[in-house]
Amino acid sequence: MDKEIYIIRHGETELNKLGIVQGRGINSDLNDTGRSQAAAFYAMYKDVPFEKVYTSKLKRTHQTVQGFIDAGTPWKQVAGLDELAWGKWEGKPNDDNAMAAFKAIVQAWNDGDYDAHFEGGESPNQVLVRLKEAMDLIKSRKDEKLILICMHGRAMRLLLCLLMNKPLSEMGDFPHQNTTLYKVELTGDEFNIIEFNNTDHLK
C-alpha cells in the first residue's frame, strides 16, 4: 500500500438543512449541527497521524477539519476539490421548479450525458478534469502516506467514480451524509475502498 486516504464530506450548513443547493459559488459556514459533526469526527480520528490535510477552497471544508489544522497537521487548499458549480440554481429556494430541474439534470447524467450542466454551472466532465489534477498532485507527494481530504457531496461522488474506474452514471452508488467517511487505499495505480459511507462518529 502506497497511501491511505480518508475522504470526508463537510459538515452541515444551514442551506444543507433547508435542502437548498450550494455548489461552488456559495461559500457558506457550518451551522451548529455541522460544528458538532466536525467535533465528533475529530474526537474519533484525532489520534490518526495524518501527514497532510487537503480541502477545497470553500470554508465549510476548512471548518470541518479545523481541529486537525489547529493540532498542527499541514494543510493545503486545492481548488480542484471544490463542489460542482450548479450555476443559476445555487442558493435558490427548494421549490417545485428547482426539484424538477435537478431531477432532469441528474437523469441526463444517469443516461450518460456527462456534458449536461445548468446555465453558468459545470458539467461532471468539467469537474472530472480538475479532480484528476487534484489527485495527480496528491499522488505525486510520495512522502505523504496517510492523508485526510475534506470536500463536497457531488464532487465526492465523481471522485469516487474516478478512483474506482466506474462510469459517472454510477455516481449515485456513493451515498453521502455530512461528514461521512470513505477510506481508500492506493497501491500502485489501483484504489480500493476499505470503508464505505462510514458515519460511526455520529452515533
N, C-alpha and C. Protein backbone atom coordinates (compact mmCIF):
# COMPACT_ATOMS: atom_id res chain seq x y z
N MET A 1 0.84 -1.20 0.00
CA MET A 1 0.00 0.00 0.00
C MET A 1 0.88 1.26 0.00
N ASP A 2 0.59 2.18 -0.93
CA ASP A 2 1.37 3.41 -1.05
C ASP A 2 0.76 4.58 -0.27
N LYS A 3 -0.56 4.61 -0.20
CA LYS A 3 -1.24 5.69 0.52
C LYS A 3 -2.53 5.17 1.14
N GLU A 4 -2.88 5.76 2.27
CA GLU A 4 -4.20 5.55 2.87
C GLU A 4 -4.86 6.92 2.94
N ILE A 5 -6.03 7.03 2.31
CA ILE A 5 -6.68 8.33 2.15
C ILE A 5 -8.06 8.29 2.80
N TYR A 6 -8.28 9.20 3.74
CA TYR A 6 -9.60 9.38 4.35
C TYR A 6 -10.28 10.53 3.59
N ILE A 7 -11.43 10.25 3.01
CA ILE A 7 -12.17 11.26 2.24
C ILE A 7 -13.49 11.52 2.96
N ILE A 8 -13.71 12.76 3.41
CA ILE A 8 -14.95 13.07 4.10
C ILE A 8 -15.66 14.24 3.43
N ARG A 9 -16.97 14.25 3.59
CA ARG A 9 -17.78 15.39 3.17
C ARG A 9 -17.80 16.38 4.33
N HIS A 10 -17.94 17.66 4.00
CA HIS A 10 -18.01 18.71 5.03
C HIS A 10 -19.24 18.52 5.92
N GLY A 11 -19.23 19.19 7.06
CA GLY A 11 -20.36 19.19 7.98
C GLY A 11 -21.54 19.99 7.44
N GLU A 12 -22.65 19.91 8.16
CA GLU A 12 -23.89 20.54 7.72
C GLU A 12 -23.82 22.06 7.76
N THR A 13 -24.39 22.67 6.73
CA THR A 13 -24.60 24.12 6.69
C THR A 13 -26.11 24.38 6.77
N GLU A 14 -26.47 25.63 6.95
CA GLU A 14 -27.90 25.95 7.05
C GLU A 14 -28.61 25.63 5.73
N LEU A 15 -27.92 25.86 4.60
CA LEU A 15 -28.52 25.54 3.30
C LEU A 15 -28.70 24.04 3.12
N ASN A 16 -27.74 23.24 3.61
CA ASN A 16 -27.93 21.78 3.61
C ASN A 16 -29.22 21.43 4.35
N LYS A 17 -29.36 22.03 5.53
CA LYS A 17 -30.53 21.75 6.38
C LYS A 17 -31.84 22.07 5.66
N LEU A 18 -31.81 23.15 4.87
CA LEU A 18 -33.01 23.60 4.17
C LEU A 18 -33.20 22.91 2.82
N GLY A 19 -32.24 22.06 2.42
CA GLY A 19 -32.35 21.37 1.14
C GLY A 19 -32.06 22.26 -0.05
N ILE A 20 -31.34 23.37 0.17
CA ILE A 20 -31.01 24.31 -0.90
C ILE A 20 -29.59 24.03 -1.39
N VAL A 21 -29.43 23.94 -2.70
CA VAL A 21 -28.12 23.60 -3.24
C VAL A 21 -27.15 24.79 -3.08
N GLN A 22 -25.89 24.46 -2.73
CA GLN A 22 -24.86 25.50 -2.56
C GLN A 22 -23.95 25.55 -3.77
N GLY A 23 -23.28 24.45 -4.03
CA GLY A 23 -22.37 24.43 -5.16
C GLY A 23 -21.09 25.20 -4.89
N ARG A 24 -20.35 25.40 -5.97
CA ARG A 24 -19.03 26.03 -5.87
C ARG A 24 -19.14 27.52 -5.58
N GLY A 25 -20.27 28.13 -5.95
CA GLY A 25 -20.39 29.58 -5.88
C GLY A 25 -20.88 30.14 -4.57
N ILE A 26 -21.26 29.29 -3.62
CA ILE A 26 -21.75 29.77 -2.33
C ILE A 26 -20.81 29.28 -1.23
N ASN A 27 -20.20 30.24 -0.55
CA ASN A 27 -19.16 29.93 0.44
C ASN A 27 -19.74 30.04 1.85
N SER A 28 -20.57 29.06 2.20
CA SER A 28 -21.32 29.13 3.46
C SER A 28 -20.54 28.50 4.62
N ASP A 29 -20.95 28.89 5.82
CA ASP A 29 -20.36 28.37 7.06
C ASP A 29 -21.12 27.14 7.55
N LEU A 30 -20.46 26.34 8.38
CA LEU A 30 -21.16 25.28 9.09
C LEU A 30 -22.17 25.89 10.05
N ASN A 31 -23.29 25.19 10.26
CA ASN A 31 -24.21 25.58 11.31
C ASN A 31 -23.86 24.83 12.60
N ASP A 32 -24.68 24.96 13.63
CA ASP A 32 -24.36 24.32 14.91
C ASP A 32 -24.26 22.80 14.76
N THR A 33 -25.16 22.22 13.97
CA THR A 33 -25.10 20.77 13.74
C THR A 33 -23.80 20.40 13.04
N GLY A 34 -23.42 21.18 12.03
CA GLY A 34 -22.18 20.92 11.30
C GLY A 34 -20.96 21.00 12.18
N ARG A 35 -20.95 21.98 13.10
CA ARG A 35 -19.82 22.09 14.03
C ARG A 35 -19.77 20.90 14.98
N SER A 36 -20.94 20.42 15.38
CA SER A 36 -20.99 19.23 16.24
C SER A 36 -20.50 17.99 15.49
N GLN A 37 -20.89 17.88 14.23
CA GLN A 37 -20.43 16.75 13.41
C GLN A 37 -18.90 16.79 13.25
N ALA A 38 -18.37 17.98 13.00
CA ALA A 38 -16.92 18.14 12.84
C ALA A 38 -16.20 17.76 14.14
N ALA A 39 -16.76 18.19 15.27
CA ALA A 39 -16.15 17.87 16.57
C ALA A 39 -16.19 16.37 16.82
N ALA A 40 -17.29 15.71 16.43
CA ALA A 40 -17.41 14.27 16.63
C ALA A 40 -16.41 13.52 15.76
N PHE A 41 -16.23 13.98 14.51
CA PHE A 41 -15.23 13.34 13.64
C PHE A 41 -13.84 13.51 14.22
N TYR A 42 -13.53 14.71 14.68
CA TYR A 42 -12.21 14.96 15.26
C TYR A 42 -11.99 14.10 16.50
N ALA A 43 -12.99 13.99 17.34
CA ALA A 43 -12.85 13.20 18.58
C ALA A 43 -12.51 11.75 18.26
N MET A 44 -13.11 11.21 17.19
CA MET A 44 -12.87 9.80 16.86
C MET A 44 -11.54 9.58 16.15
N TYR A 45 -11.10 10.57 15.36
CA TYR A 45 -9.93 10.34 14.48
C TYR A 45 -8.72 11.22 14.82
N LYS A 46 -8.77 11.91 15.96
CA LYS A 46 -7.69 12.85 16.27
C LYS A 46 -6.34 12.17 16.48
N ASP A 47 -6.35 10.88 16.80
CA ASP A 47 -5.09 10.17 17.02
C ASP A 47 -4.54 9.51 15.76
N VAL A 48 -5.26 9.64 14.64
CA VAL A 48 -4.73 9.14 13.36
C VAL A 48 -3.63 10.12 12.93
N PRO A 49 -2.41 9.63 12.69
CA PRO A 49 -1.28 10.55 12.41
C PRO A 49 -1.25 11.04 10.96
N PHE A 50 -2.28 11.81 10.59
CA PHE A 50 -2.32 12.34 9.23
C PHE A 50 -1.08 13.20 8.95
N GLU A 51 -0.51 13.02 7.75
CA GLU A 51 0.65 13.81 7.36
C GLU A 51 0.25 15.06 6.59
N LYS A 52 -1.00 15.11 6.10
CA LYS A 52 -1.47 16.27 5.35
C LYS A 52 -2.98 16.27 5.35
N VAL A 53 -3.54 17.47 5.39
CA VAL A 53 -4.97 17.67 5.19
C VAL A 53 -5.16 18.46 3.90
N TYR A 54 -5.98 17.94 3.01
CA TYR A 54 -6.35 18.66 1.79
C TYR A 54 -7.83 19.03 1.88
N THR A 55 -8.15 20.28 1.53
CA THR A 55 -9.54 20.72 1.46
C THR A 55 -9.78 21.45 0.15
N SER A 56 -11.06 21.70 -0.13
CA SER A 56 -11.40 22.61 -1.22
C SER A 56 -11.08 24.03 -0.78
N LYS A 57 -11.40 24.99 -1.63
CA LYS A 57 -11.18 26.41 -1.30
C LYS A 57 -12.34 26.98 -0.48
N LEU A 58 -13.39 26.19 -0.26
CA LEU A 58 -14.60 26.69 0.39
C LEU A 58 -14.54 26.45 1.90
N LYS A 59 -14.93 27.45 2.67
CA LYS A 59 -14.66 27.43 4.11
C LYS A 59 -15.42 26.36 4.87
N ARG A 60 -16.51 25.83 4.31
CA ARG A 60 -17.20 24.76 5.03
C ARG A 60 -16.33 23.52 5.15
N THR A 61 -15.40 23.31 4.21
CA THR A 61 -14.46 22.20 4.36
C THR A 61 -13.37 22.54 5.37
N HIS A 62 -12.89 23.78 5.36
CA HIS A 62 -11.86 24.19 6.32
C HIS A 62 -12.37 24.02 7.74
N GLN A 63 -13.61 24.49 7.96
CA GLN A 63 -14.19 24.47 9.30
C GLN A 63 -14.40 23.03 9.79
N THR A 64 -14.67 22.12 8.87
CA THR A 64 -14.92 20.72 9.25
C THR A 64 -13.66 20.05 9.78
N VAL A 65 -12.50 20.41 9.25
CA VAL A 65 -11.24 19.76 9.68
C VAL A 65 -10.36 20.72 10.49
N GLN A 66 -10.96 21.78 11.02
CA GLN A 66 -10.18 22.78 11.75
C GLN A 66 -9.43 22.18 12.94
N GLY A 67 -10.02 21.17 13.57
CA GLY A 67 -9.35 20.54 14.71
C GLY A 67 -8.00 19.97 14.34
N PHE A 68 -7.92 19.32 13.17
CA PHE A 68 -6.65 18.74 12.72
C PHE A 68 -5.65 19.84 12.36
N ILE A 69 -6.16 20.90 11.72
CA ILE A 69 -5.29 22.03 11.35
C ILE A 69 -4.74 22.70 12.60
N ASP A 70 -5.61 22.93 13.59
CA ASP A 70 -5.19 23.57 14.83
C ASP A 70 -4.18 22.71 15.59
N ALA A 71 -4.28 21.39 15.42
CA ALA A 71 -3.35 20.47 16.10
C ALA A 71 -2.00 20.38 15.39
N GLY A 72 -1.89 21.08 14.23
CA GLY A 72 -0.59 21.17 13.58
C GLY A 72 -0.41 20.33 12.32
N THR A 73 -1.47 19.66 11.88
CA THR A 73 -1.35 18.89 10.63
C THR A 73 -1.21 19.86 9.46
N PRO A 74 -0.19 19.70 8.61
CA PRO A 74 -0.04 20.58 7.45
C PRO A 74 -1.29 20.54 6.57
N TRP A 75 -1.65 21.70 6.01
CA TRP A 75 -2.93 21.87 5.31
C TRP A 75 -2.70 22.53 3.96
N LYS A 76 -3.37 22.00 2.92
CA LYS A 76 -3.32 22.63 1.61
C LYS A 76 -4.72 22.72 1.03
N GLN A 77 -5.06 23.91 0.53
CA GLN A 77 -6.33 24.12 -0.18
C GLN A 77 -6.12 23.85 -1.67
N VAL A 78 -7.01 23.07 -2.26
CA VAL A 78 -6.91 22.71 -3.67
C VAL A 78 -8.26 23.01 -4.34
N ALA A 79 -8.25 23.96 -5.27
CA ALA A 79 -9.50 24.37 -5.92
C ALA A 79 -10.15 23.22 -6.69
N GLY A 80 -9.35 22.25 -7.13
CA GLY A 80 -9.88 21.11 -7.85
C GLY A 80 -10.86 20.28 -7.03
N LEU A 81 -10.80 20.41 -5.70
CA LEU A 81 -11.70 19.66 -4.81
C LEU A 81 -13.00 20.40 -4.53
N ASP A 82 -13.16 21.60 -5.11
CA ASP A 82 -14.40 22.37 -4.91
C ASP A 82 -15.62 21.59 -5.40
N GLU A 83 -16.79 21.98 -4.86
CA GLU A 83 -18.04 21.37 -5.30
C GLU A 83 -18.33 21.73 -6.76
N LEU A 84 -19.10 20.87 -7.43
CA LEU A 84 -19.62 21.18 -8.76
C LEU A 84 -20.40 22.49 -8.70
N ALA A 85 -20.20 23.34 -9.68
CA ALA A 85 -20.95 24.61 -9.75
C ALA A 85 -22.32 24.34 -10.37
N TRP A 86 -23.37 24.70 -9.64
CA TRP A 86 -24.74 24.48 -10.10
C TRP A 86 -25.31 25.71 -10.82
N GLY A 87 -24.45 26.71 -11.03
CA GLY A 87 -24.86 27.85 -11.84
C GLY A 87 -26.06 28.60 -11.27
N LYS A 88 -27.03 28.85 -12.14
CA LYS A 88 -28.14 29.73 -11.78
C LYS A 88 -29.01 29.18 -10.65
N TRP A 89 -28.85 27.91 -10.29
CA TRP A 89 -29.70 27.32 -9.25
C TRP A 89 -29.08 27.41 -7.86
N GLU A 90 -27.84 27.89 -7.78
CA GLU A 90 -27.20 27.95 -6.46
C GLU A 90 -27.93 28.93 -5.55
N GLY A 91 -28.29 28.45 -4.36
CA GLY A 91 -28.92 29.30 -3.36
C GLY A 91 -30.39 29.59 -3.58
N LYS A 92 -30.95 29.01 -4.64
CA LYS A 92 -32.37 29.27 -4.95
C LYS A 92 -33.27 28.40 -4.06
N PRO A 93 -34.49 28.88 -3.77
CA PRO A 93 -35.41 28.10 -2.93
C PRO A 93 -35.65 26.70 -3.50
N ASN A 94 -35.81 25.76 -2.59
CA ASN A 94 -36.01 24.36 -2.99
C ASN A 94 -37.50 24.13 -3.30
N ASP A 95 -37.97 24.75 -4.41
CA ASP A 95 -39.38 24.65 -4.76
C ASP A 95 -39.57 23.62 -5.89
N ASP A 96 -40.80 23.52 -6.39
CA ASP A 96 -41.10 22.53 -7.43
C ASP A 96 -40.27 22.72 -8.68
N ASN A 97 -40.02 24.00 -9.06
CA ASN A 97 -39.21 24.28 -10.25
C ASN A 97 -37.79 23.75 -10.08
N ALA A 98 -37.21 24.03 -8.91
CA ALA A 98 -35.85 23.58 -8.64
C ALA A 98 -35.77 22.05 -8.64
N MET A 99 -36.73 21.43 -7.98
CA MET A 99 -36.71 19.96 -7.89
C MET A 99 -36.85 19.32 -9.28
N ALA A 100 -37.69 19.91 -10.11
CA ALA A 100 -37.86 19.39 -11.46
C ALA A 100 -36.59 19.55 -12.29
N ALA A 101 -35.93 20.71 -12.14
CA ALA A 101 -34.70 20.97 -12.88
C ALA A 101 -33.60 20.00 -12.46
N PHE A 102 -33.48 19.79 -11.15
CA PHE A 102 -32.44 18.88 -10.66
C PHE A 102 -32.72 17.44 -11.06
N LYS A 103 -33.98 17.07 -11.00
CA LYS A 103 -34.33 15.71 -11.41
C LYS A 103 -33.96 15.49 -12.87
N ALA A 104 -34.21 16.49 -13.71
CA ALA A 104 -33.92 16.37 -15.15
C ALA A 104 -32.42 16.28 -15.41
N ILE A 105 -31.63 17.09 -14.69
CA ILE A 105 -30.18 17.06 -14.98
C ILE A 105 -29.55 15.78 -14.45
N VAL A 106 -30.00 15.31 -13.30
CA VAL A 106 -29.46 14.05 -12.77
C VAL A 106 -29.84 12.90 -13.69
N GLN A 107 -31.04 12.94 -14.26
CA GLN A 107 -31.44 11.91 -15.22
C GLN A 107 -30.54 11.94 -16.46
N ALA A 108 -30.21 13.15 -16.91
CA ALA A 108 -29.30 13.28 -18.06
C ALA A 108 -27.95 12.63 -17.74
N TRP A 109 -27.45 12.88 -16.54
CA TRP A 109 -26.17 12.27 -16.14
C TRP A 109 -26.30 10.76 -16.05
N ASN A 110 -27.40 10.29 -15.46
CA ASN A 110 -27.62 8.85 -15.35
C ASN A 110 -27.69 8.19 -16.72
N ASP A 111 -28.16 8.97 -17.72
CA ASP A 111 -28.26 8.46 -19.10
C ASP A 111 -26.96 8.59 -19.88
N GLY A 112 -25.91 9.12 -19.21
CA GLY A 112 -24.60 9.18 -19.85
C GLY A 112 -24.24 10.50 -20.48
N ASP A 113 -25.07 11.54 -20.29
CA ASP A 113 -24.72 12.86 -20.83
C ASP A 113 -23.94 13.64 -19.77
N TYR A 114 -22.62 13.41 -19.73
CA TYR A 114 -21.77 14.00 -18.69
C TYR A 114 -21.35 15.43 -19.02
N ASP A 115 -21.81 15.94 -20.17
CA ASP A 115 -21.57 17.35 -20.50
C ASP A 115 -22.76 18.23 -20.13
N ALA A 116 -23.86 17.62 -19.68
CA ALA A 116 -25.04 18.40 -19.29
C ALA A 116 -24.73 19.26 -18.07
N HIS A 117 -25.18 20.50 -18.11
CA HIS A 117 -24.94 21.41 -16.97
C HIS A 117 -26.00 22.51 -17.00
N PHE A 118 -26.17 23.16 -15.86
CA PHE A 118 -27.06 24.31 -15.79
C PHE A 118 -26.35 25.55 -16.31
N GLU A 119 -27.11 26.53 -16.71
CA GLU A 119 -26.56 27.81 -17.16
C GLU A 119 -25.64 28.38 -16.07
N GLY A 120 -24.40 28.69 -16.46
CA GLY A 120 -23.43 29.24 -15.52
C GLY A 120 -22.79 28.20 -14.62
N GLY A 121 -23.12 26.93 -14.82
CA GLY A 121 -22.59 25.87 -13.97
C GLY A 121 -21.60 24.97 -14.69
N GLU A 122 -21.24 23.89 -14.02
CA GLU A 122 -20.26 22.93 -14.54
C GLU A 122 -20.93 21.60 -14.84
N SER A 123 -20.36 20.89 -15.79
CA SER A 123 -20.78 19.52 -16.08
C SER A 123 -19.90 18.55 -15.29
N PRO A 124 -20.35 17.30 -15.13
CA PRO A 124 -19.49 16.30 -14.50
C PRO A 124 -18.14 16.15 -15.20
N ASN A 125 -18.12 16.23 -16.53
CA ASN A 125 -16.84 16.10 -17.24
C ASN A 125 -15.88 17.24 -16.89
N GLN A 126 -16.43 18.45 -16.72
CA GLN A 126 -15.57 19.58 -16.36
C GLN A 126 -15.01 19.40 -14.94
N VAL A 127 -15.84 18.94 -14.04
CA VAL A 127 -15.37 18.71 -12.67
C VAL A 127 -14.33 17.60 -12.65
N LEU A 128 -14.54 16.57 -13.48
CA LEU A 128 -13.60 15.45 -13.52
C LEU A 128 -12.20 15.89 -13.91
N VAL A 129 -12.09 16.86 -14.80
CA VAL A 129 -10.77 17.36 -15.21
C VAL A 129 -10.01 17.91 -14.01
N ARG A 130 -10.70 18.74 -13.20
CA ARG A 130 -9.98 19.33 -12.06
C ARG A 130 -9.78 18.33 -10.91
N LEU A 131 -10.69 17.35 -10.79
CA LEU A 131 -10.48 16.30 -9.79
C LEU A 131 -9.25 15.46 -10.15
N LYS A 132 -9.08 15.17 -11.45
CA LYS A 132 -7.90 14.41 -11.89
C LYS A 132 -6.62 15.17 -11.56
N GLU A 133 -6.64 16.49 -11.80
CA GLU A 133 -5.47 17.31 -11.49
C GLU A 133 -5.17 17.29 -9.99
N ALA A 134 -6.22 17.39 -9.19
CA ALA A 134 -6.04 17.37 -7.73
C ALA A 134 -5.46 16.03 -7.28
N MET A 135 -5.98 14.93 -7.83
CA MET A 135 -5.48 13.62 -7.42
C MET A 135 -4.07 13.36 -7.93
N ASP A 136 -3.75 13.89 -9.11
CA ASP A 136 -2.37 13.76 -9.59
C ASP A 136 -1.40 14.45 -8.64
N LEU A 137 -1.80 15.62 -8.14
CA LEU A 137 -0.99 16.34 -7.16
C LEU A 137 -0.81 15.50 -5.90
N ILE A 138 -1.92 14.98 -5.37
CA ILE A 138 -1.87 14.20 -4.13
C ILE A 138 -1.04 12.93 -4.31
N LYS A 139 -1.21 12.25 -5.44
CA LYS A 139 -0.45 11.03 -5.70
C LYS A 139 1.04 11.31 -5.86
N SER A 140 1.37 12.51 -6.35
CA SER A 140 2.78 12.85 -6.59
C SER A 140 3.56 13.08 -5.30
N ARG A 141 2.86 13.34 -4.21
CA ARG A 141 3.52 13.58 -2.91
C ARG A 141 3.82 12.23 -2.25
N LYS A 142 4.92 11.61 -2.69
CA LYS A 142 5.23 10.24 -2.27
C LYS A 142 5.47 10.13 -0.77
N ASP A 143 5.88 11.24 -0.15
CA ASP A 143 6.19 11.20 1.29
C ASP A 143 4.93 11.24 2.16
N GLU A 144 3.80 11.61 1.57
CA GLU A 144 2.54 11.70 2.32
C GLU A 144 1.79 10.38 2.17
N LYS A 145 1.90 9.52 3.17
CA LYS A 145 1.31 8.18 3.10
C LYS A 145 -0.10 8.14 3.67
N LEU A 146 -0.39 9.03 4.63
CA LEU A 146 -1.67 8.99 5.35
C LEU A 146 -2.27 10.38 5.30
N ILE A 147 -3.35 10.55 4.53
CA ILE A 147 -3.88 11.89 4.32
C ILE A 147 -5.39 11.94 4.54
N LEU A 148 -5.86 13.14 4.81
CA LEU A 148 -7.28 13.43 5.01
C LEU A 148 -7.71 14.45 3.97
N ILE A 149 -8.79 14.14 3.25
CA ILE A 149 -9.36 15.06 2.27
C ILE A 149 -10.77 15.43 2.74
N CYS A 150 -11.08 16.72 2.78
CA CYS A 150 -12.44 17.15 3.07
C CYS A 150 -12.98 17.90 1.86
N MET A 151 -14.13 17.44 1.37
CA MET A 151 -14.67 18.01 0.13
C MET A 151 -16.19 18.05 0.17
N HIS A 152 -16.85 17.84 -0.96
CA HIS A 152 -18.28 18.13 -1.11
C HIS A 152 -19.00 16.93 -1.72
N GLY A 153 -20.31 16.86 -1.49
CA GLY A 153 -21.08 15.68 -1.84
C GLY A 153 -21.01 15.25 -3.29
N ARG A 154 -21.39 16.15 -4.21
CA ARG A 154 -21.42 15.75 -5.62
C ARG A 154 -20.01 15.53 -6.16
N ALA A 155 -19.08 16.40 -5.79
CA ALA A 155 -17.69 16.23 -6.23
C ALA A 155 -17.11 14.94 -5.66
N MET A 156 -17.48 14.60 -4.43
CA MET A 156 -17.00 13.35 -3.82
C MET A 156 -17.50 12.14 -4.61
N ARG A 157 -18.77 12.19 -5.01
CA ARG A 157 -19.31 11.08 -5.81
C ARG A 157 -18.55 10.92 -7.12
N LEU A 158 -18.24 12.04 -7.76
CA LEU A 158 -17.48 12.00 -9.01
C LEU A 158 -16.06 11.49 -8.77
N LEU A 159 -15.45 11.93 -7.67
CA LEU A 159 -14.09 11.48 -7.34
C LEU A 159 -14.07 9.97 -7.12
N LEU A 160 -15.05 9.45 -6.40
CA LEU A 160 -15.07 8.01 -6.13
C LEU A 160 -15.28 7.21 -7.42
N CYS A 161 -16.08 7.72 -8.34
CA CYS A 161 -16.18 7.08 -9.66
C CYS A 161 -14.82 7.06 -10.35
N LEU A 162 -14.12 8.19 -10.30
CA LEU A 162 -12.79 8.29 -10.91
C LEU A 162 -11.84 7.27 -10.30
N LEU A 163 -11.79 7.22 -8.98
CA LEU A 163 -10.83 6.34 -8.31
C LEU A 163 -11.14 4.86 -8.55
N MET A 164 -12.45 4.54 -8.64
CA MET A 164 -12.85 3.14 -8.79
C MET A 164 -13.09 2.74 -10.24
N ASN A 165 -12.74 3.64 -11.18
CA ASN A 165 -12.92 3.36 -12.61
C ASN A 165 -14.36 3.00 -12.97
N LYS A 166 -15.30 3.69 -12.33
CA LYS A 166 -16.71 3.48 -12.62
C LYS A 166 -17.20 4.57 -13.57
N PRO A 167 -18.18 4.27 -14.43
CA PRO A 167 -18.78 5.34 -15.23
C PRO A 167 -19.46 6.35 -14.32
N LEU A 168 -19.46 7.62 -14.75
CA LEU A 168 -20.04 8.67 -13.91
C LEU A 168 -21.53 8.48 -13.70
N SER A 169 -22.17 7.69 -14.55
CA SER A 169 -23.59 7.40 -14.37
C SER A 169 -23.85 6.62 -13.08
N GLU A 170 -22.79 6.07 -12.48
CA GLU A 170 -22.93 5.31 -11.25
C GLU A 170 -22.61 6.14 -10.01
N MET A 171 -22.53 7.48 -10.17
CA MET A 171 -22.18 8.32 -9.03
C MET A 171 -23.19 8.19 -7.89
N GLY A 172 -24.43 7.86 -8.23
CA GLY A 172 -25.45 7.69 -7.20
C GLY A 172 -25.22 6.49 -6.30
N ASP A 173 -24.26 5.64 -6.66
CA ASP A 173 -23.95 4.46 -5.84
C ASP A 173 -23.14 4.83 -4.59
N PHE A 174 -22.76 6.10 -4.48
CA PHE A 174 -21.95 6.54 -3.34
C PHE A 174 -22.75 7.51 -2.48
N PRO A 175 -23.51 6.98 -1.49
CA PRO A 175 -24.29 7.87 -0.62
C PRO A 175 -23.36 8.73 0.22
N HIS A 176 -23.88 9.86 0.70
CA HIS A 176 -23.03 10.74 1.49
C HIS A 176 -23.87 11.62 2.41
N GLN A 177 -23.72 11.39 3.71
CA GLN A 177 -24.25 12.32 4.70
C GLN A 177 -23.15 13.34 5.00
N ASN A 178 -23.51 14.36 5.76
CA ASN A 178 -22.47 15.31 6.19
C ASN A 178 -21.48 14.61 7.11
N THR A 179 -20.21 14.80 6.82
CA THR A 179 -19.03 14.20 7.47
C THR A 179 -18.91 12.69 7.29
N THR A 180 -19.65 12.11 6.34
CA THR A 180 -19.45 10.69 6.07
C THR A 180 -18.02 10.43 5.60
N LEU A 181 -17.51 9.25 5.90
CA LEU A 181 -16.13 8.88 5.59
C LEU A 181 -16.07 7.74 4.58
N TYR A 182 -15.27 7.95 3.55
CA TYR A 182 -14.82 6.86 2.68
C TYR A 182 -13.31 6.73 2.88
N LYS A 183 -12.88 5.55 3.30
CA LYS A 183 -11.44 5.32 3.45
C LYS A 183 -10.96 4.50 2.26
N VAL A 184 -9.90 4.98 1.62
CA VAL A 184 -9.43 4.41 0.35
C VAL A 184 -7.94 4.10 0.48
N GLU A 185 -7.53 2.96 -0.04
CA GLU A 185 -6.12 2.62 -0.13
C GLU A 185 -5.65 2.70 -1.57
N LEU A 186 -4.45 3.23 -1.75
CA LEU A 186 -3.81 3.29 -3.07
C LEU A 186 -2.59 2.39 -3.08
N THR A 187 -2.57 1.43 -4.01
CA THR A 187 -1.41 0.57 -4.21
C THR A 187 -1.06 0.62 -5.69
N GLY A 188 0.11 1.15 -6.01
CA GLY A 188 0.46 1.37 -7.41
C GLY A 188 -0.49 2.40 -8.00
N ASP A 189 -1.25 1.99 -9.01
CA ASP A 189 -2.26 2.88 -9.60
C ASP A 189 -3.68 2.43 -9.25
N GLU A 190 -3.80 1.51 -8.32
CA GLU A 190 -5.12 0.94 -8.03
C GLU A 190 -5.63 1.40 -6.66
N PHE A 191 -6.86 1.92 -6.69
CA PHE A 191 -7.54 2.34 -5.47
C PHE A 191 -8.54 1.28 -5.03
N ASN A 192 -8.64 1.08 -3.72
CA ASN A 192 -9.67 0.21 -3.16
C ASN A 192 -10.35 0.91 -2.01
N ILE A 193 -11.68 0.83 -1.96
CA ILE A 193 -12.43 1.40 -0.84
C ILE A 193 -12.44 0.37 0.28
N ILE A 194 -11.94 0.76 1.46
CA ILE A 194 -11.92 -0.17 2.58
C ILE A 194 -12.92 0.22 3.67
N GLU A 195 -13.43 1.45 3.62
CA GLU A 195 -14.57 1.83 4.46
C GLU A 195 -15.52 2.65 3.60
N PHE A 196 -16.80 2.26 3.62
CA PHE A 196 -17.80 2.81 2.70
C PHE A 196 -18.86 3.57 3.48
N ASN A 197 -18.96 4.89 3.26
CA ASN A 197 -20.03 5.69 3.86
C ASN A 197 -20.11 5.47 5.37
N ASN A 198 -18.97 5.59 6.04
CA ASN A 198 -18.86 5.32 7.48
C ASN A 198 -19.26 6.58 8.28
N THR A 199 -20.27 6.45 9.10
CA THR A 199 -20.71 7.56 9.96
C THR A 199 -20.69 7.15 11.44
N ASP A 200 -19.80 6.21 11.80
CA ASP A 200 -19.74 5.72 13.18
C ASP A 200 -19.53 6.85 14.19
N HIS A 201 -18.81 7.89 13.78
CA HIS A 201 -18.52 9.00 14.71
C HIS A 201 -19.77 9.79 15.08
N LEU A 202 -20.85 9.63 14.31
CA LEU A 202 -22.09 10.37 14.58
C LEU A 202 -23.04 9.59 15.49
N LYS A 203 -22.67 8.35 15.84
CA LYS A 203 -23.59 7.52 16.62
C LYS A 203 -23.50 7.85 18.12
